[in-house]
Amino acid sequence: MTTLREACGVVGLAGQDARLIRLGENALYALPGEQIVVRIARSMEVMDDARKEVAVAAWLDGAGIPAARTTDHPQPLIVRGKPVTLWQLIMDSGSPASLDDLAMVLRALHQAPVPADLALPQLDILSRVSERINSSPVLTEEDRQFLLARQHELQRAYEALAFPLGPAAVHGDAHSDNLIRATDGTIVLIDFERFAFGPPETDLAVTAIEHSLGWGTRADYDQFAELYGFDVLAWEGYPVLRAINELKMTTWLMQNVDEDEAIAQEFRNRLFCLRNPDAPRRWRAF
């Protein structure tokens, strides 16, 4: 809260009514009276990401794609050694966005011309995976070496893929939870931390793997693919993207095993499946 209070003081905001929205890799606070969301990153190591998010928001606004918008304050701020960005509060209708909505947003995003001065980084699809593996206290050394070897294997397989769709701006975490249905019915894209330039198939694979894991119906997935105009499940390179996503989903969950025994059990289940590719994927969503 100290960083939040100092950030509000820097730009002249009243933060007395601040409420925590989410505490994860970033801390998000809503200021209802100001209609602003304050996003506090974890360290200066992600300053480039904060700058990118501000630039992406401006580009999406100019491109006519409904998305989270920053305030008019100069930003990112640096407060107590942390990047801070300020966003206009989106009035959430409370009704979740659908896969149909996601398909249409991704189609518009992937078709939007990317200006050269936006300077998006090239997609690093396995970003942060090795850091998670190397720093995890819950892995045995055998587990650690297995996961690192799997990462290297999948990196090589990914680099050998021939993608049928042309490169584009990609969201990097393209699931429907990163859409908000505003009170006026507009579907708004949020969370630009992983934005990059790369194969659109990587965004589409997020929904495809959720279908593959049984987290949605085939009819819903088929409608998603039809609305977007491409079925990544039918592409011969999809198994590589599925394996990459399984590794990322497992190592992401690994960070939270101390929070809950159910999470710890699910992590062990996922790790078993990675070691046994033919095992049924009975994965729980978290």
C-alpha atoms as a PDB file:
ATOM      1  CA  MET A   1       0.000   0.000   0.000  1.00  0.00           C
ATOM      2  CA  THR A   2       2.955   2.324   0.553  1.00  0.00           C
ATOM      3  CA  THR A   3       3.835   2.222  -3.146  1.00  0.00           C
ATOM      4  CA  LEU A   4       0.200   2.870  -4.039  1.00  0.00           C
ATOM      5  CA  ARG A   5      -0.022   5.893  -1.735  1.00  0.00           C
ATOM      6  CA  GLU A   6       3.205   7.349  -3.100  1.00  0.00           C
ATOM      7  CA  ALA A   7       2.089   6.793  -6.706  1.00  0.00           C
ATOM      8  CA  CYS A   8      -1.205   8.550  -6.015  1.00  0.00           C
ATOM      9  CA  GLY A   9       0.677  11.421  -4.437  1.00  0.00           C
ATOM     10  CA  VAL A  10       2.966  11.809  -7.458  1.00  0.00           C
ATOM     11  CA  VAL A  11       0.061  12.330  -9.873  1.00  0.00           C
ATOM     12  CA  GLY A  12      -2.363  14.001  -7.480  1.00  0.00           C
ATOM     13  CA  LEU A  13      -4.900  11.206  -7.062  1.00  0.00           C
ATOM     14  CA  ALA A  14      -6.963  10.535  -3.958  1.00  0.00           C
ATOM     15  CA  GLY A  15      -6.341   6.911  -3.088  1.00  0.00           C
ATOM     16  CA  GLN A  16      -8.251   6.627   0.189  1.00  0.00           C
ATOM     17  CA  ASP A  17     -10.943   4.414  -1.357  1.00  0.00           C
ATOM     18  CA  ALA A  18      -8.461   2.062  -3.066  1.00  0.00           C
ATOM     19  CA  ARG A  19      -9.387  -1.606  -3.133  1.00  0.00           C
ATOM     20  CA  LEU A  20      -7.209  -4.497  -4.177  1.00  0.00           C
ATOM     21  CA  ILE A  21      -8.441  -6.179  -7.357  1.00  0.00           C
ATOM     22  CA  ARG A  22      -5.684  -8.739  -7.792  1.00  0.00           C
ATOM     23  CA  LEU A  23      -2.347  -9.612  -6.271  1.00  0.00           C
ATOM     24  CA  GLY A  24      -0.143 -11.725  -8.509  1.00  0.00           C
ATOM     25  CA  GLU A  25       2.754 -10.864 -10.749  1.00  0.00           C
ATOM     26  CA  ASN A  26       1.301  -7.353 -10.553  1.00  0.00           C
ATOM     27  CA  ALA A  27      -0.731  -5.662  -7.831  1.00  0.00           C
ATOM     28  CA  LEU A  28      -3.896  -4.034  -9.211  1.00  0.00           C
ATOM     29  CA  TYR A  29      -5.845  -1.470  -7.198  1.00  0.00           C
ATOM     30  CA  ALA A  30      -9.096   0.193  -8.209  1.00  0.00           C
ATOM     31  CA  LEU A  31      -9.714   3.810  -7.260  1.00  0.00           C
ATOM     32  CA  PRO A  32     -13.520   3.987  -7.656  1.00  0.00           C
ATOM     33  CA  GLY A  33     -13.729   7.698  -6.956  1.00  0.00           C
ATOM     34  CA  GLU A  34     -11.170   8.455  -9.669  1.00  0.00           C
ATOM     35  CA  GLN A  35     -12.373   5.712 -12.049  1.00  0.00           C
ATOM     36  CA  ILE A  36      -8.747   4.567 -12.344  1.00  0.00           C
ATOM     37  CA  VAL A  37      -6.860   1.306 -11.892  1.00  0.00           C
ATOM     38  CA  VAL A  38      -3.293   1.470 -10.585  1.00  0.00           C
ATOM     39  CA  ARG A  39      -1.053  -1.372 -11.704  1.00  0.00           C
ATOM     40  CA  ILE A  40       2.150  -1.906  -9.719  1.00  0.00           C
ATOM     41  CA  ALA A  41       4.739  -4.251 -11.224  1.00  0.00           C
ATOM     42  CA  ARG A  42       7.028  -6.373  -9.084  1.00  0.00           C
ATOM     43  CA  SER A  43      10.414  -4.841  -9.956  1.00  0.00           C
ATOM     44  CA  MET A  44      12.377  -2.727 -12.422  1.00  0.00           C
ATOM     45  CA  GLU A  45      13.226  -5.940 -14.286  1.00  0.00           C
ATOM     46  CA  VAL A  46       9.871  -5.587 -16.068  1.00  0.00           C
ATOM     47  CA  MET A  47      10.164  -1.869 -16.871  1.00  0.00           C
ATOM     48  CA  ASP A  48      10.389  -2.658 -20.596  1.00  0.00           C
ATOM     49  CA  ASP A  49       7.114  -4.588 -20.325  1.00  0.00           C
ATOM     50  CA  ALA A  50       5.449  -1.617 -18.621  1.00  0.00           C
ATOM     51  CA  ARG A  51       6.602   0.721 -21.394  1.00  0.00           C
ATOM     52  CA  LYS A  52       5.362  -1.778 -23.967  1.00  0.00           C
ATOM     53  CA  GLU A  53       1.931  -2.034 -22.336  1.00  0.00           C
ATOM     54  CA  VAL A  54       1.487   1.742 -22.460  1.00  0.00           C
ATOM     55  CA  ALA A  55       2.538   1.837 -26.136  1.00  0.00           C
ATOM     56  CA  VAL A  56       0.296  -1.112 -27.046  1.00  0.00           C
ATOM     57  CA  ALA A  57      -2.698   0.537 -25.383  1.00  0.00           C
ATOM     58  CA  ALA A  58      -2.184   3.676 -27.475  1.00  0.00           C
ATOM     59  CA  TRP A  59      -1.805   1.634 -30.667  1.00  0.00           C
ATOM     60  CA  LEU A  60      -4.939  -0.455 -30.030  1.00  0.00           C
ATOM     61  CA  ASP A  61      -6.925   2.710 -29.357  1.00  0.00           C
ATOM     62  CA  GLY A  62      -5.757   4.190 -32.652  1.00  0.00           C
ATOM     63  CA  ALA A  63      -6.447   0.936 -34.485  1.00  0.00           C
ATOM     64  CA  GLY A  64     -10.049   0.898 -33.298  1.00  0.00           C
ATOM     65  CA  ILE A  65      -9.741  -2.284 -31.232  1.00  0.00           C
ATOM     66  CA  PRO A  66     -11.604  -1.894 -27.912  1.00  0.00           C
ATOM     67  CA  ALA A  67      -8.965  -2.371 -25.243  1.00  0.00           C
ATOM     68  CA  ALA A  68      -7.841  -1.141 -21.851  1.00  0.00           C
ATOM     69  CA  ARG A  69      -6.723   2.489 -22.057  1.00  0.00           C
ATOM     70  CA  THR A  70      -4.197   4.362 -19.982  1.00  0.00           C
ATOM     71  CA  THR A  71      -4.906   7.680 -18.322  1.00  0.00           C
ATOM     72  CA  ASP A  72      -3.352  10.890 -19.656  1.00  0.00           C
ATOM     73  CA  HIS A  73      -0.639  10.927 -16.995  1.00  0.00           C
ATOM     74  CA  PRO A  74       2.977  10.573 -18.191  1.00  0.00           C
ATOM     75  CA  GLN A  75       3.896   6.952 -17.560  1.00  0.00           C
ATOM     76  CA  PRO A  76       5.190   4.463 -16.587  1.00  0.00           C
ATOM     77  CA  LEU A  77       5.997   5.993 -13.236  1.00  0.00           C
ATOM     78  CA  ILE A  78       8.814   4.651 -11.084  1.00  0.00           C
ATOM     79  CA  VAL A  79       7.776   4.506  -7.446  1.00  0.00           C
ATOM     80  CA  ARG A  80       9.883   2.844  -4.753  1.00  0.00           C
ATOM     81  CA  GLY A  81      11.796   1.014  -7.468  1.00  0.00           C
ATOM     82  CA  LYS A  82       8.682  -0.387  -9.154  1.00  0.00           C
ATOM     83  CA  PRO A  83       7.059   0.478 -12.495  1.00  0.00           C
ATOM     84  CA  VAL A  84       3.554   1.852 -12.040  1.00  0.00           C
ATOM     85  CA  THR A  85       0.953   2.369 -14.767  1.00  0.00           C
ATOM     86  CA  LEU A  86      -2.469   4.031 -14.565  1.00  0.00           C
ATOM     87  CA  TRP A  87      -5.507   2.778 -16.446  1.00  0.00           C
ATOM     88  CA  GLN A  88      -9.053   3.923 -17.011  1.00  0.00           C
ATOM     89  CA  LEU A  89     -11.420   1.779 -14.955  1.00  0.00           C
ATOM     90  CA  ILE A  90     -13.587  -0.475 -17.155  1.00  0.00           C
ATOM     91  CA  MET A  91     -17.153  -0.780 -15.924  1.00  0.00           C
ATOM     92  CA  ASP A  92     -17.635  -4.553 -15.930  1.00  0.00           C
ATOM     93  CA  SER A  93     -21.130  -5.818 -16.712  1.00  0.00           C
ATOM     94  CA  GLY A  94     -20.450  -8.978 -14.712  1.00  0.00           C
ATOM     95  CA  SER A  95     -21.322 -11.114 -17.731  1.00  0.00           C
ATOM     96  CA  PRO A  96     -18.312 -13.094 -18.969  1.00  0.00           C
ATOM     97  CA  ALA A  97     -17.015 -12.819 -22.508  1.00  0.00           C
ATOM     98  CA  SER A  98     -17.466 -15.886 -24.709  1.00  0.00           C
ATOM     99  CA  LEU A  99     -15.179 -17.835 -27.026  1.00  0.00           C
ATOM    100  CA  ASP A 100     -17.051 -16.216 -29.902  1.00  0.00           C
ATOM    101  CA  ASP A 101     -15.997 -12.831 -28.534  1.00  0.00           C
ATOM    102  CA  LEU A 102     -12.411 -14.034 -28.213  1.00  0.00           C
ATOM    103  CA  ALA A 103     -12.361 -15.292 -31.804  1.00  0.00           C
ATOM    104  CA  MET A 104     -13.501 -11.935 -33.154  1.00  0.00           C
ATOM    105  CA  VAL A 105     -11.082  -9.927 -31.008  1.00  0.00           C
ATOM    106  CA  LEU A 106      -8.137 -12.121 -32.027  1.00  0.00           C
ATOM    107  CA  ARG A 107      -9.108 -11.918 -35.680  1.00  0.00           C
ATOM    108  CA  ALA A 108      -9.137  -8.114 -35.519  1.00  0.00           C
ATOM    109  CA  LEU A 109      -5.882  -8.031 -33.566  1.00  0.00           C
ATOM    110  CA  HIS A 110      -4.013 -10.379 -35.886  1.00  0.00           C
ATOM    111  CA  GLN A 111      -5.185  -8.478 -38.971  1.00  0.00           C
ATOM    112  CA  ALA A 112      -4.206  -5.052 -37.647  1.00  0.00           C
ATOM    113  CA  PRO A 113      -1.089  -3.593 -39.326  1.00  0.00           C
ATOM    114  CA  VAL A 114       1.701  -3.155 -36.793  1.00  0.00           C
ATOM    115  CA  PRO A 115       3.546   0.169 -37.081  1.00  0.00           C
ATOM    116  CA  ALA A 116       7.318  -0.105 -37.077  1.00  0.00           C
ATOM    117  CA  ASP A 117       7.670   2.361 -34.226  1.00  0.00           C
ATOM    118  CA  LEU A 118       5.653   0.122 -31.907  1.00  0.00           C
ATOM    119  CA  ALA A 119       8.784  -2.045 -31.655  1.00  0.00           C
ATOM    120  CA  LEU A 120       7.107  -5.174 -30.319  1.00  0.00           C
ATOM    121  CA  PRO A 121       9.554  -7.831 -29.132  1.00  0.00           C
ATOM    122  CA  GLN A 122       9.713 -11.115 -30.988  1.00  0.00           C
ATOM    123  CA  LEU A 123       7.592 -13.730 -29.239  1.00  0.00           C
ATOM    124  CA  ASP A 124       9.581 -15.834 -26.784  1.00  0.00           C
ATOM    125  CA  ILE A 125       7.052 -18.600 -26.314  1.00  0.00           C
ATOM    126  CA  LEU A 126       8.931 -20.299 -23.475  1.00  0.00           C
ATOM    127  CA  SER A 127       9.758 -17.080 -21.652  1.00  0.00           C
ATOM    128  CA  ARG A 128      10.103 -17.484 -17.868  1.00  0.00           C
ATOM    129  CA  VAL A 129       9.889 -21.283 -17.960  1.00  0.00           C
ATOM    130  CA  SER A 130      13.561 -21.933 -17.221  1.00  0.00           C
ATOM    131  CA  GLU A 131      13.517 -19.306 -14.444  1.00  0.00           C
ATOM    132  CA  ARG A 132      10.554 -21.025 -12.824  1.00  0.00           C
ATOM    133  CA  ILE A 133      12.218 -24.433 -13.063  1.00  0.00           C
ATOM    134  CA  ASN A 134      15.587 -23.294 -11.765  1.00  0.00           C
ATOM    135  CA  SER A 135      14.161 -21.346  -8.837  1.00  0.00           C
ATOM    136  CA  SER A 136      11.517 -23.820  -7.695  1.00  0.00           C
ATOM    137  CA  PRO A 137      12.088 -25.302  -4.218  1.00  0.00           C
ATOM    138  CA  VAL A 138       9.524 -28.065  -4.744  1.00  0.00           C
ATOM    139  CA  LEU A 139      11.352 -29.961  -7.489  1.00  0.00           C
ATOM    140  CA  THR A 140      13.743 -32.828  -6.990  1.00  0.00           C
ATOM    141  CA  GLU A 141      16.932 -32.552  -8.994  1.00  0.00           C
ATOM    142  CA  GLU A 142      15.640 -35.324 -11.236  1.00  0.00           C
ATOM    143  CA  ASP A 143      12.412 -33.391 -11.853  1.00  0.00           C
ATOM    144  CA  ARG A 144      14.383 -30.244 -12.563  1.00  0.00           C
ATOM    145  CA  GLN A 145      16.610 -31.898 -15.140  1.00  0.00           C
ATOM    146  CA  PHE A 146      13.616 -33.557 -16.779  1.00  0.00           C
ATOM    147  CA  LEU A 147      11.741 -30.261 -17.134  1.00  0.00           C
ATOM    148  CA  LEU A 148      14.773 -28.378 -18.435  1.00  0.00           C
ATOM    149  CA  ALA A 149      15.439 -31.099 -21.008  1.00  0.00           C
ATOM    150  CA  ARG A 150      11.788 -30.992 -22.042  1.00  0.00           C
ATOM    151  CA  GLN A 151      11.980 -27.216 -22.450  1.00  0.00           C
ATOM    152  CA  HIS A 152      15.060 -27.459 -24.671  1.00  0.00           C
ATOM    153  CA  GLU A 153      13.450 -30.198 -26.746  1.00  0.00           C
ATOM    154  CA  LEU A 154      10.293 -28.156 -27.274  1.00  0.00           C
ATOM    155  CA  GLN A 155      12.244 -24.998 -28.099  1.00  0.00           C
ATOM    156  CA  ARG A 156      13.981 -26.851 -30.937  1.00  0.00           C
ATOM    157  CA  ALA A 157      10.682 -28.326 -32.148  1.00  0.00           C
ATOM    158  CA  TYR A 158       9.049 -24.881 -32.103  1.00  0.00           C
ATOM    159  CA  GLU A 159      11.875 -23.318 -34.106  1.00  0.00           C
ATOM    160  CA  ALA A 160      11.437 -26.033 -36.763  1.00  0.00           C
ATOM    161  CA  LEU A 161       7.723 -25.297 -37.312  1.00  0.00           C
ATOM    162  CA  ALA A 162       6.473 -23.782 -40.569  1.00  0.00           C
ATOM    163  CA  PHE A 163       3.548 -21.556 -39.585  1.00  0.00           C
ATOM    164  CA  PRO A 164       0.786 -21.188 -42.202  1.00  0.00           C
ATOM    165  CA  LEU A 165      -0.443 -17.813 -40.893  1.00  0.00           C
ATOM    166  CA  GLY A 166       1.607 -14.678 -41.352  1.00  0.00           C
ATOM    167  CA  PRO A 167       3.263 -13.119 -38.292  1.00  0.00           C
ATOM    168  CA  ALA A 168       1.269 -10.489 -36.423  1.00  0.00           C
ATOM    169  CA  ALA A 169       0.860  -8.776 -33.099  1.00  0.00           C
ATOM    170  CA  VAL A 170      -0.055 -11.532 -30.650  1.00  0.00           C
ATOM    171  CA  HIS A 171      -1.523 -11.195 -27.188  1.00  0.00           C
ATOM    172  CA  GLY A 172       0.555 -13.930 -25.593  1.00  0.00           C
ATOM    173  CA  ASP A 173      -2.095 -14.975 -23.053  1.00  0.00           C
ATOM    174  CA  ALA A 174      -5.164 -15.130 -25.243  1.00  0.00           C
ATOM    175  CA  HIS A 175      -7.991 -16.564 -23.197  1.00  0.00           C
ATOM    176  CA  SER A 176     -11.447 -15.185 -22.553  1.00  0.00           C
ATOM    177  CA  ASP A 177     -10.533 -14.154 -18.983  1.00  0.00           C
ATOM    178  CA  ASN A 178      -8.488 -11.387 -20.601  1.00  0.00           C
ATOM    179  CA  LEU A 179     -11.654  -9.897 -22.052  1.00  0.00           C
ATOM    180  CA  ILE A 180     -14.156  -7.772 -20.157  1.00  0.00           C
ATOM    181  CA  ARG A 181     -17.743  -7.262 -21.258  1.00  0.00           C
ATOM    182  CA  ALA A 182     -18.355  -3.635 -20.337  1.00  0.00           C
ATOM    183  CA  THR A 183     -21.733  -2.357 -19.157  1.00  0.00           C
ATOM    184  CA  ASP A 184     -22.428  -0.977 -22.640  1.00  0.00           C
ATOM    185  CA  GLY A 185     -21.828  -4.434 -24.142  1.00  0.00           C
ATOM    186  CA  THR A 186     -18.400  -3.657 -25.614  1.00  0.00           C
ATOM    187  CA  ILE A 187     -15.849  -6.470 -25.402  1.00  0.00           C
ATOM    188  CA  VAL A 188     -12.600  -4.960 -24.094  1.00  0.00           C
ATOM    189  CA  LEU A 189      -9.181  -6.596 -24.390  1.00  0.00           C
ATOM    190  CA  ILE A 190      -6.936  -6.337 -21.310  1.00  0.00           C
ATOM    191  CA  ASP A 191      -3.504  -7.412 -20.007  1.00  0.00           C
ATOM    192  CA  PHE A 192      -0.788  -6.503 -22.526  1.00  0.00           C
ATOM    193  CA  GLU A 193       2.191  -7.809 -20.549  1.00  0.00           C
ATOM    194  CA  ARG A 194       2.935 -10.666 -22.970  1.00  0.00           C
ATOM    195  CA  PHE A 195       2.232  -8.766 -26.208  1.00  0.00           C
ATOM    196  CA  ALA A 196       4.748  -9.611 -28.911  1.00  0.00           C
ATOM    197  CA  PHE A 197       5.219 -10.083 -32.646  1.00  0.00           C
ATOM    198  CA  GLY A 198       4.942 -13.689 -33.744  1.00  0.00           C
ATOM    199  CA  PRO A 199       2.765 -16.506 -35.102  1.00  0.00           C
ATOM    200  CA  PRO A 200      -1.000 -16.034 -34.535  1.00  0.00           C
ATOM    201  CA  GLU A 201      -1.247 -19.803 -34.123  1.00  0.00           C
ATOM    202  CA  THR A 202       0.249 -19.380 -30.649  1.00  0.00           C
ATOM    203  CA  ASP A 203      -2.735 -17.296 -29.517  1.00  0.00           C
ATOM    204  CA  LEU A 204      -5.213 -19.723 -31.057  1.00  0.00           C
ATOM    205  CA  ALA A 205      -3.553 -22.686 -29.359  1.00  0.00           C
ATOM    206  CA  VAL A 206      -4.602 -21.387 -25.928  1.00  0.00           C
ATOM    207  CA  THR A 207      -8.265 -22.058 -26.694  1.00  0.00           C
ATOM    208  CA  ALA A 208      -7.417 -25.271 -28.541  1.00  0.00           C
ATOM    209  CA  ILE A 209      -5.624 -26.795 -25.567  1.00  0.00           C
ATOM    210  CA  GLU A 210      -8.487 -25.881 -23.258  1.00  0.00           C
ATOM    211  CA  HIS A 211     -10.718 -27.861 -25.601  1.00  0.00           C
ATOM    212  CA  SER A 212      -8.181 -30.706 -25.720  1.00  0.00           C
ATOM    213  CA  LEU A 213      -8.265 -30.858 -21.909  1.00  0.00           C
ATOM    214  CA  GLY A 214     -12.046 -31.056 -21.879  1.00  0.00           C
ATOM    215  CA  TRP A 215     -12.584 -27.545 -20.495  1.00  0.00           C
ATOM    216  CA  GLY A 216     -15.151 -26.744 -23.173  1.00  0.00           C
ATOM    217  CA  THR A 217     -17.368 -28.418 -25.734  1.00  0.00           C
ATOM    218  CA  ARG A 218     -16.387 -29.361 -29.261  1.00  0.00           C
ATOM    219  CA  ALA A 219     -19.251 -27.254 -30.589  1.00  0.00           C
ATOM    220  CA  ASP A 220     -17.906 -24.184 -28.786  1.00  0.00           C
ATOM    221  CA  TYR A 221     -14.416 -24.780 -30.151  1.00  0.00           C
ATOM    222  CA  ASP A 222     -15.665 -25.384 -33.699  1.00  0.00           C
ATOM    223  CA  GLN A 223     -17.594 -22.106 -33.578  1.00  0.00           C
ATOM    224  CA  PHE A 224     -14.458 -20.327 -32.309  1.00  0.00           C
ATOM    225  CA  ALA A 225     -12.383 -21.710 -35.196  1.00  0.00           C
ATOM    226  CA  GLU A 226     -15.062 -20.868 -37.763  1.00  0.00           C
ATOM    227  CA  LEU A 227     -15.430 -17.281 -36.562  1.00  0.00           C
ATOM    228  CA  TYR A 228     -11.677 -16.748 -36.535  1.00  0.00           C
ATOM    229  CA  GLY A 229     -11.205 -18.453 -39.914  1.00  0.00           C
ATOM    230  CA  PHE A 230      -8.538 -21.023 -39.001  1.00  0.00           C
ATOM    231  CA  ASP A 231      -8.587 -24.293 -37.058  1.00  0.00           C
ATOM    232  CA  VAL A 232      -5.266 -24.665 -35.288  1.00  0.00           C
ATOM    233  CA  LEU A 233      -6.272 -28.155 -34.099  1.00  0.00           C
ATOM    234  CA  ALA A 234      -6.209 -29.332 -37.712  1.00  0.00           C
ATOM    235  CA  TRP A 235      -2.696 -27.996 -38.282  1.00  0.00           C
ATOM    236  CA  GLU A 236       0.138 -30.519 -38.169  1.00  0.00           C
ATOM    237  CA  GLY A 237       2.194 -28.275 -35.909  1.00  0.00           C
ATOM    238  CA  TYR A 238      -0.436 -28.112 -33.166  1.00  0.00           C
ATOM    239  CA  PRO A 239       0.984 -31.014 -31.089  1.00  0.00           C
ATOM    240  CA  VAL A 240       4.147 -28.970 -30.534  1.00  0.00           C
ATOM    241  CA  LEU A 241       2.149 -25.941 -29.367  1.00  0.00           C
ATOM    242  CA  ARG A 242       0.034 -28.189 -27.152  1.00  0.00           C
ATOM    243  CA  ALA A 243       3.139 -29.669 -25.529  1.00  0.00           C
ATOM    244  CA  ILE A 244       4.589 -26.189 -24.996  1.00  0.00           C
ATOM    245  CA  ASN A 245       1.386 -24.992 -23.364  1.00  0.00           C
ATOM    246  CA  GLU A 246       1.254 -28.060 -21.126  1.00  0.00           C
ATOM    247  CA  LEU A 247       4.791 -27.321 -19.925  1.00  0.00           C
ATOM    248  CA  LYS A 248       3.966 -23.655 -19.336  1.00  0.00           C
ATOM    249  CA  MET A 249       0.730 -24.480 -17.517  1.00  0.00           C
ATOM    250  CA  THR A 250       2.551 -26.960 -15.286  1.00  0.00           C
ATOM    251  CA  THR A 251       5.427 -24.664 -14.364  1.00  0.00           C
ATOM    252  CA  TRP A 252       3.049 -21.760 -13.765  1.00  0.00           C
ATOM    253  CA  LEU A 253       1.007 -23.842 -11.316  1.00  0.00           C
ATOM    254  CA  MET A 254       4.227 -25.081  -9.688  1.00  0.00           C
ATOM    255  CA  GLN A 255       4.781 -21.596  -8.278  1.00  0.00           C
ATOM    256  CA  ASN A 256       1.625 -21.875  -6.141  1.00  0.00           C
ATOM    257  CA  VAL A 257       1.878 -25.368  -4.634  1.00  0.00           C
ATOM    258  CA  ASP A 258       2.411 -24.014  -1.112  1.00  0.00           C
ATOM    259  CA  GLU A 259      -0.897 -22.167  -1.208  1.00  0.00           C
ATOM    260  CA  ASP A 260      -3.240 -25.144  -1.276  1.00  0.00           C
ATOM    261  CA  GLU A 261      -3.043 -28.932  -1.174  1.00  0.00           C
ATOM    262  CA  ALA A 262      -5.402 -29.176  -4.160  1.00  0.00           C
ATOM    263  CA  ILE A 263      -2.921 -27.128  -6.197  1.00  0.00           C
ATOM    264  CA  ALA A 264      -0.064 -29.337  -5.026  1.00  0.00           C
ATOM    265  CA  GLN A 265      -1.956 -32.463  -6.075  1.00  0.00           C
ATOM    266  CA  GLU A 266      -2.782 -30.962  -9.457  1.00  0.00           C
ATOM    267  CA  PHE A 267       0.866 -30.036 -10.002  1.00  0.00           C
ATOM    268  CA  ARG A 268       1.913 -33.630  -9.305  1.00  0.00           C
ATOM    269  CA  ASN A 269      -0.771 -34.832 -11.716  1.00  0.00           C
ATOM    270  CA  ARG A 270       0.462 -32.522 -14.467  1.00  0.00           C
ATOM    271  CA  LEU A 271       4.098 -33.457 -13.897  1.00  0.00           C
ATOM    272  CA  PHE A 272       3.148 -37.146 -14.153  1.00  0.00           C
ATOM    273  CA  CYS A 273       1.414 -36.447 -17.476  1.00  0.00           C
ATOM    274  CA  LEU A 274       4.471 -34.633 -18.833  1.00  0.00           C
ATOM    275  CA  ARG A 275       6.549 -37.689 -17.969  1.00  0.00           C
ATOM    276  CA  ASN A 276       3.910 -39.973 -19.519  1.00  0.00           C
ATOM    277  CA  PRO A 277       2.722 -38.392 -22.794  1.00  0.00           C
ATOM    278  CA  ASP A 278       0.087 -41.065 -23.424  1.00  0.00           C
ATOM    279  CA  ALA A 279      -1.541 -40.694 -20.006  1.00  0.00           C
ATOM    280  CA  PRO A 280      -5.075 -39.226 -19.994  1.00  0.00           C
ATOM    281  CA  ARG A 281      -5.076 -35.485 -19.345  1.00  0.00           C
ATOM    282  CA  ARG A 282      -7.527 -35.146 -16.448  1.00  0.00           C
ATOM    283  CA  TRP A 283      -6.404 -31.651 -15.537  1.00  0.00           C
ATOM    284  CA  ARG A 284      -8.271 -29.246 -13.293  1.00  0.00           C
ATOM    285  CA  ALA A 285      -8.471 -25.582 -14.202  1.00  0.00           C
ATOM    286  CA  PHE A 286      -7.001 -23.076 -11.746  1.00  0.00           C
END
